[in-house]
C-alpha atoms as a PDB file:
ATOM      1  CA  MET A   1     -22.148  25.072 -21.766  1.00  0.00           C
ATOM      2  CA  LEU A   2     -18.894  23.168 -21.930  1.00  0.00           C
ATOM      3  CA  LEU A   3     -18.020  20.906 -19.000  1.00  0.00           C
ATOM      4  CA  LYS A   4     -14.296  20.607 -18.412  1.00  0.00           C
ATOM      5  CA  LEU A   5     -13.062  17.446 -16.683  1.00  0.00           C
ATOM      6  CA  SER A   6      -9.504  16.542 -15.944  1.00  0.00           C
ATOM      7  CA  LEU A   7      -7.996  13.155 -15.227  1.00  0.00           C
ATOM      8  CA  PHE A   8      -7.605  14.146 -11.573  1.00  0.00           C
ATOM      9  CA  SER A   9     -11.297  14.927 -11.160  1.00  0.00           C
ATOM     10  CA  TRP A  10     -11.957  11.173 -11.492  1.00  0.00           C
ATOM     11  CA  LEU A  11      -9.403  10.075  -8.851  1.00  0.00           C
ATOM     12  CA  PRO A  12     -11.889   9.994  -5.933  1.00  0.00           C
ATOM     13  CA  PHE A  13     -13.899   7.350  -7.819  1.00  0.00           C
ATOM     14  CA  LEU A  14     -11.006   4.964  -8.583  1.00  0.00           C
ATOM     15  CA  PRO A  15     -11.570   2.580  -5.632  1.00  0.00           C
ATOM     16  CA  PHE A  16     -15.130   1.966  -6.814  1.00  0.00           C
ATOM     17  CA  LEU A  17     -14.095   1.034 -10.357  1.00  0.00           C
ATOM     18  CA  GLN A  18     -12.292  -2.203  -9.615  1.00  0.00           C
ATOM     19  CA  ALA A  19     -13.471  -5.589 -10.789  1.00  0.00           C
ATOM     20  CA  SER A  20     -14.506  -8.232  -8.312  1.00  0.00           C
ATOM     21  CA  PRO A  21     -14.237 -12.013  -8.653  1.00  0.00           C
ATOM     22  CA  LEU A  22     -17.144 -13.775 -10.304  1.00  0.00           C
ATOM     23  CA  PRO A  23     -18.541 -16.857  -8.573  1.00  0.00           C
ATOM     24  CA  ASP A  24     -18.767 -20.051 -10.580  1.00  0.00           C
ATOM     25  CA  SER A  25     -21.921 -22.170 -10.653  1.00  0.00           C
ATOM     26  CA  GLY A  26     -21.554 -23.124  -6.968  1.00  0.00           C
ATOM     27  CA  SER A  27     -23.065 -21.096  -4.164  1.00  0.00           C
ATOM     28  CA  SER A  28     -19.730 -19.803  -2.879  1.00  0.00           C
ATOM     29  CA  VAL A  29     -16.629 -18.249  -4.336  1.00  0.00           C
ATOM     30  CA  HIS A  30     -13.608 -20.589  -4.254  1.00  0.00           C
ATOM     31  CA  THR A  31     -10.380 -19.137  -2.947  1.00  0.00           C
ATOM     32  CA  ASP A  32      -8.157 -22.024  -4.051  1.00  0.00           C
ATOM     33  CA  SER A  33      -6.469 -20.792  -7.238  1.00  0.00           C
ATOM     34  CA  SER A  34      -6.473 -24.274  -8.807  1.00  0.00           C
ATOM     35  CA  SER A  35     -10.274 -24.508  -8.641  1.00  0.00           C
ATOM     36  CA  MET A  36     -10.997 -20.944  -9.783  1.00  0.00           C
ATOM     37  CA  SER A  37     -12.210 -20.290 -13.287  1.00  0.00           C
ATOM     38  CA  SER A  38     -10.127 -18.070 -15.549  1.00  0.00           C
ATOM     39  CA  ILE A  39     -12.861 -15.400 -15.415  1.00  0.00           C
ATOM     40  CA  ALA A  40     -12.637 -15.304 -11.619  1.00  0.00           C
ATOM     41  CA  LYS A  41      -8.840 -15.091 -11.751  1.00  0.00           C
ATOM     42  CA  ARG A  42      -8.986 -12.196 -14.215  1.00  0.00           C
ATOM     43  CA  GLY A  43     -11.580 -10.478 -12.020  1.00  0.00           C
ATOM     44  CA  MET A  44      -9.089 -10.208  -9.166  1.00  0.00           C
ATOM     45  CA  PHE A  45      -7.036  -7.738 -11.196  1.00  0.00           C
ATOM     46  CA  ASN A  46      -8.294  -4.193 -11.007  1.00  0.00           C
ATOM     47  CA  PHE A  47      -8.036  -1.899 -13.986  1.00  0.00           C
ATOM     48  CA  LEU A  48      -4.718  -0.466 -12.752  1.00  0.00           C
ATOM     49  CA  GLY A  49      -3.089  -3.891 -13.057  1.00  0.00           C
ATOM     50  CA  TYR A  50      -2.759  -4.494  -9.319  1.00  0.00           C
ATOM     51  CA  ASP A  51      -3.174  -8.150  -8.368  1.00  0.00           C
ATOM     52  CA  ASN A  52      -5.372  -7.996  -5.266  1.00  0.00           C
ATOM     53  CA  SER A  53      -5.264 -11.780  -4.774  1.00  0.00           C
ATOM     54  CA  VAL A  54      -1.591 -11.729  -3.734  1.00  0.00           C
ATOM     55  CA  ALA A  55      -1.698  -9.249  -0.851  1.00  0.00           C
ATOM     56  CA  PRO A  56      -5.144  -7.761  -0.352  1.00  0.00           C
ATOM     57  CA  ASN A  57      -5.438  -4.140   0.666  1.00  0.00           C
ATOM     58  CA  ASP A  58      -8.209  -2.766   2.783  1.00  0.00           C
ATOM     59  CA  CYS A  59      -9.116   0.807   1.931  1.00  0.00           C
ATOM     60  CA  LYS A  60     -10.561   1.549   5.366  1.00  0.00           C
ATOM     61  CA  GLY A  61      -9.610   4.542   7.443  1.00  0.00           C
ATOM     62  CA  SER A  62     -10.985   7.615   9.127  1.00  0.00           C
ATOM     63  CA  PHE A  63     -14.156   9.139   7.663  1.00  0.00           C
ATOM     64  CA  LEU A  64     -12.035  12.283   7.137  1.00  0.00           C
ATOM     65  CA  CYS A  65      -9.712  10.516   4.673  1.00  0.00           C
ATOM     66  CA  PRO A  66     -11.342  11.997   1.544  1.00  0.00           C
ATOM     67  CA  MET A  67      -9.949  15.375   2.672  1.00  0.00           C
ATOM     68  CA  LEU A  68      -6.426  13.973   2.159  1.00  0.00           C
ATOM     69  CA  ARG A  69      -6.879  13.483  -1.589  1.00  0.00           C
ATOM     70  CA  GLY A  70      -6.231  16.056  -4.245  1.00  0.00           C
ATOM     71  CA  GLU A  71      -3.824  18.935  -4.502  1.00  0.00           C
ATOM     72  CA  SER A  72      -2.187  18.586  -1.073  1.00  0.00           C
ATOM     73  CA  ARG A  73      -0.858  15.064  -1.787  1.00  0.00           C
ATOM     74  CA  ALA A  74      -0.720  14.653   1.978  1.00  0.00           C
ATOM     75  CA  CYS A  75      -0.260  10.881   2.091  1.00  0.00           C
ATOM     76  CA  PRO A  76       2.415  10.625  -0.640  1.00  0.00           C
ATOM     77  CA  ASN A  77       4.276  13.455   1.108  1.00  0.00           C
ATOM     78  CA  ALA A  78       4.124  11.471   4.362  1.00  0.00           C
ATOM     79  CA  TYR A  79       5.450   8.188   2.992  1.00  0.00           C
ATOM     80  CA  MET A  80       8.094   9.804   0.798  1.00  0.00           C
ATOM     81  CA  GLN A  81       9.828  10.812   4.053  1.00  0.00           C
ATOM     82  CA  TYR A  82      11.072   7.208   4.302  1.00  0.00           C
ATOM     83  CA  ASN A  83      14.719   7.249   3.250  1.00  0.00           C
ATOM     84  CA  ALA A  84      15.247   4.827   0.356  1.00  0.00           C
ATOM     85  CA  SER A  85      18.886   4.272   1.322  1.00  0.00           C
ATOM     86  CA  LEU A  86      18.223   3.200   4.938  1.00  0.00           C
ATOM     87  CA  ILE A  87      17.239  -0.171   6.392  1.00  0.00           C
ATOM     88  CA  TYR A  88      14.389   0.105   8.925  1.00  0.00           C
ATOM     89  CA  HIS A  89      14.459  -2.163  12.005  1.00  0.00           C
ATOM     90  CA  GLY A  90      11.245  -1.220  13.839  1.00  0.00           C
ATOM     91  CA  TYR A  91       7.869   0.497  13.956  1.00  0.00           C
ATOM     92  CA  THR A  92       8.034   3.704  11.929  1.00  0.00           C
ATOM     93  CA  SER A  93       5.606   6.574  11.412  1.00  0.00           C
ATOM     94  CA  TYR A  94       5.964   9.759   9.379  1.00  0.00           C
ATOM     95  CA  ALA A  95       3.299  12.479   9.173  1.00  0.00           C
ATOM     96  CA  SER A  96       2.516  15.239   6.696  1.00  0.00           C
ATOM     97  CA  HIS A  97      -0.558  17.509   6.500  1.00  0.00           C
ATOM     98  CA  TRP A  98      -2.752  15.291   8.716  1.00  0.00           C
ATOM     99  CA  CYS A  99      -1.784  12.021   7.031  1.00  0.00           C
ATOM    100  CA  THR A 100       0.344   9.448   8.804  1.00  0.00           C
ATOM    101  CA  ALA A 101       2.338   6.733   7.019  1.00  0.00           C
ATOM    102  CA  ILE A 102       2.976   3.769   9.335  1.00  0.00           C
ATOM    103  CA  TYR A 103       5.187   0.702   8.804  1.00  0.00           C
ATOM    104  CA  ARG A 104       4.751  -2.123  11.341  1.00  0.00           C
ATOM    105  CA  CYS A 105       5.272  -5.873  11.666  1.00  0.00           C
ATOM    106  CA  GLU A 106       3.597  -8.492  13.847  1.00  0.00           C
ATOM    107  CA  ASN A 107       5.227  -9.602  17.105  1.00  0.00           C
ATOM    108  CA  ASP A 108       7.869  -6.852  16.896  1.00  0.00           C
ATOM    109  CA  ASN A 109       9.847  -9.111  14.562  1.00  0.00           C
ATOM    110  CA  TYR A 110      11.153  -6.685  11.930  1.00  0.00           C
ATOM    111  CA  PRO A 111      13.021  -8.062   8.922  1.00  0.00           C
ATOM    112  CA  SER A 112      15.711  -5.925   7.302  1.00  0.00           C
ATOM    113  CA  ARG A 113      13.620  -3.883   4.877  1.00  0.00           C
ATOM    114  CA  THR A 114      14.957  -0.930   2.931  1.00  0.00           C
ATOM    115  CA  GLY A 115      13.159   2.370   2.702  1.00  0.00           C
ATOM    116  CA  ARG A 116      12.819   1.755  -1.062  1.00  0.00           C
ATOM    117  CA  ASP A 117      10.902  -1.500  -0.363  1.00  0.00           C
ATOM    118  CA  ILE A 118       8.611   0.289   2.098  1.00  0.00           C
ATOM    119  CA  ILE A 119       7.956   3.160  -0.335  1.00  0.00           C
ATOM    120  CA  ASP A 120       7.075   0.617  -3.057  1.00  0.00           C
ATOM    121  CA  GLU A 121       4.468  -0.963  -0.742  1.00  0.00           C
ATOM    122  CA  PHE A 122       3.004   2.492  -0.011  1.00  0.00           C
ATOM    123  CA  ASP A 123       2.880   3.236  -3.764  1.00  0.00           C
ATOM    124  CA  GLN A 124       0.799   0.087  -4.363  1.00  0.00           C
ATOM    125  CA  LEU A 125      -1.534   1.015  -1.498  1.00  0.00           C
ATOM    126  CA  ASN A 126      -1.910   4.582  -2.757  1.00  0.00           C
ATOM    127  CA  LEU A 127      -2.659   3.343  -6.300  1.00  0.00           C
ATOM    128  CA  GLN A 128      -5.596   1.253  -5.174  1.00  0.00           C
ATOM    129  CA  CYS A 129      -6.984   3.200  -2.235  1.00  0.00           C
ATOM    130  CA  SER A 130      -6.043   6.798  -3.193  1.00  0.00           C
ATOM    131  CA  ALA A 131      -6.146   7.979   0.433  1.00  0.00           C
ATOM    132  CA  CYS A 132      -6.371   5.773   3.526  1.00  0.00           C
ATOM    133  CA  GLY A 133      -5.948   2.054   3.970  1.00  0.00           C
ATOM    134  CA  THR A 134      -3.627  -0.786   4.915  1.00  0.00           C
ATOM    135  CA  ARG A 135      -1.528  -3.075   2.712  1.00  0.00           C
ATOM    136  CA  TYR A 136      -0.371  -6.409   4.152  1.00  0.00           C
ATOM    137  CA  PHE A 137       2.679  -8.294   2.912  1.00  0.00           C
ATOM    138  CA  SER A 138       4.928 -11.095   4.145  1.00  0.00           C
ATOM    139  CA  ASP A 139       8.652 -11.602   4.286  1.00  0.00           C
ATOM    140  CA  ASP A 140       9.185 -15.078   2.840  1.00  0.00           C
ATOM    141  CA  LEU A 141      12.642 -15.584   4.346  1.00  0.00           C
ATOM    142  CA  GLU A 142      11.682 -14.799   7.925  1.00  0.00           C
ATOM    143  CA  GLY A 143       7.950 -15.570   7.749  1.00  0.00           C
ATOM    144  CA  THR A 144       7.031 -12.177   9.180  1.00  0.00           C
ATOM    145  CA  ARG A 145       3.752 -10.467   8.282  1.00  0.00           C
ATOM    146  CA  CYS A 146       4.077  -6.692   7.951  1.00  0.00           C
ATOM    147  CA  SER A 147       1.853  -3.832   6.841  1.00  0.00           C
ATOM    148  CA  VAL A 148       1.924  -0.233   5.710  1.00  0.00           C
ATOM    149  CA  THR A 149      -0.953   2.073   6.688  1.00  0.00           C
ATOM    150  CA  LEU A 150      -2.060   5.511   5.512  1.00  0.00           C
ATOM    151  CA  ASN A 151      -4.588   7.284   7.745  1.00  0.00           C
ATOM    152  CA  TYR A 152      -5.874  10.675   8.900  1.00  0.00           C
ATOM    153  CA  CYS A 153      -4.062  11.724  12.093  1.00  0.00           C
ATOM    154  CA  TYR A 154      -5.019  15.271  13.202  1.00  0.00           C
ATOM    155  CA  PRO A 155      -4.431  16.498  15.949  1.00  0.00           C
ATOM    156  CA  LYS A 156      -2.045  13.747  17.082  1.00  0.00           C
ATOM    157  CA  CYS A 157       0.336  13.574  14.123  1.00  0.00           C
ATOM    158  CA  THR A 158       3.631  12.276  15.453  1.00  0.00           C
ATOM    159  CA  SER A 159       6.642  10.790  13.745  1.00  0.00           C
ATOM    160  CA  VAL A 160       8.320   7.733  15.241  1.00  0.00           C
ATOM    161  CA  ILE A 161      11.726   6.981  13.772  1.00  0.00           C
ATOM    162  CA  PRO A 162      13.331   3.660  14.771  1.00  0.00           C
ATOM    163  CA  GLU A 163      16.902   2.515  14.634  1.00  0.00           C
ATOM    164  CA  THR A 164      18.112   2.424  11.054  1.00  0.00           C
ATOM    165  CA  THR A 165      21.294   1.384   9.311  1.00  0.00           C
ATOM    166  CA  GLU A 166      22.829   2.642   6.099  1.00  0.00           C
ATOM    167  CA  TYR A 167      22.105   0.475   3.074  1.00  0.00           C
ATOM    168  CA  GLU A 168      25.187  -0.239   0.995  1.00  0.00           C
ATOM    169  CA  TYR A 169      24.424  -1.110  -2.581  1.00  0.00           C
ATOM    170  CA  LYS A 170      26.840  -3.670  -3.945  1.00  0.00           C
ATOM    171  CA  GLU A 171      27.131  -4.284  -7.646  1.00  0.00           C
ATOM    172  CA  PRO A 172      26.327  -7.935  -8.475  1.00  0.00           C
ATOM    173  CA  VAL A 173      29.385  -9.990  -9.331  1.00  0.00           C
ATOM    174  CA  ARG A 174      29.505 -10.743 -13.023  1.00  0.00           C
ATOM    175  CA  ASP A 175      31.324 -13.840 -14.167  1.00  0.00           C
ATOM    176  CA  TRP A 176      31.628 -12.964 -17.858  1.00  0.00           C
END
């Protein structure tokens, strides 16, 4: 009997296949990068190349999240509704097939972030968690901590669209 496996049949197991940091000889793991051994630093990279030490994701969500994986691509369909050419100025939520894609910032202080930037954050979250979770990131210029979240939302799947402005791409000035 021949067993046929595809690449996609292994996707549900991806979150469990990531490396974790190794402790050095002490009793605790050091979080200061200057005191970490090179083995511990390498261990913070999962096999997809995502550096989890920079902006850690948590892959927590509803116990129904595994239903969102697979053929329906519910969560990618939800976050691809963000318009790459708009700048988002507030809490935003898009829903698709029982998955909600939420962008929010602390203290209602929203930096000017393009839809392309938000989609990139969702892509990183989806790579590591494959269904539900939250990815945290900071805006260095304004010091604002923001997050993107994918989660199961049935029966209350609502979209919240904030004020947006059109993003005008300007070619960089070349002095040559």
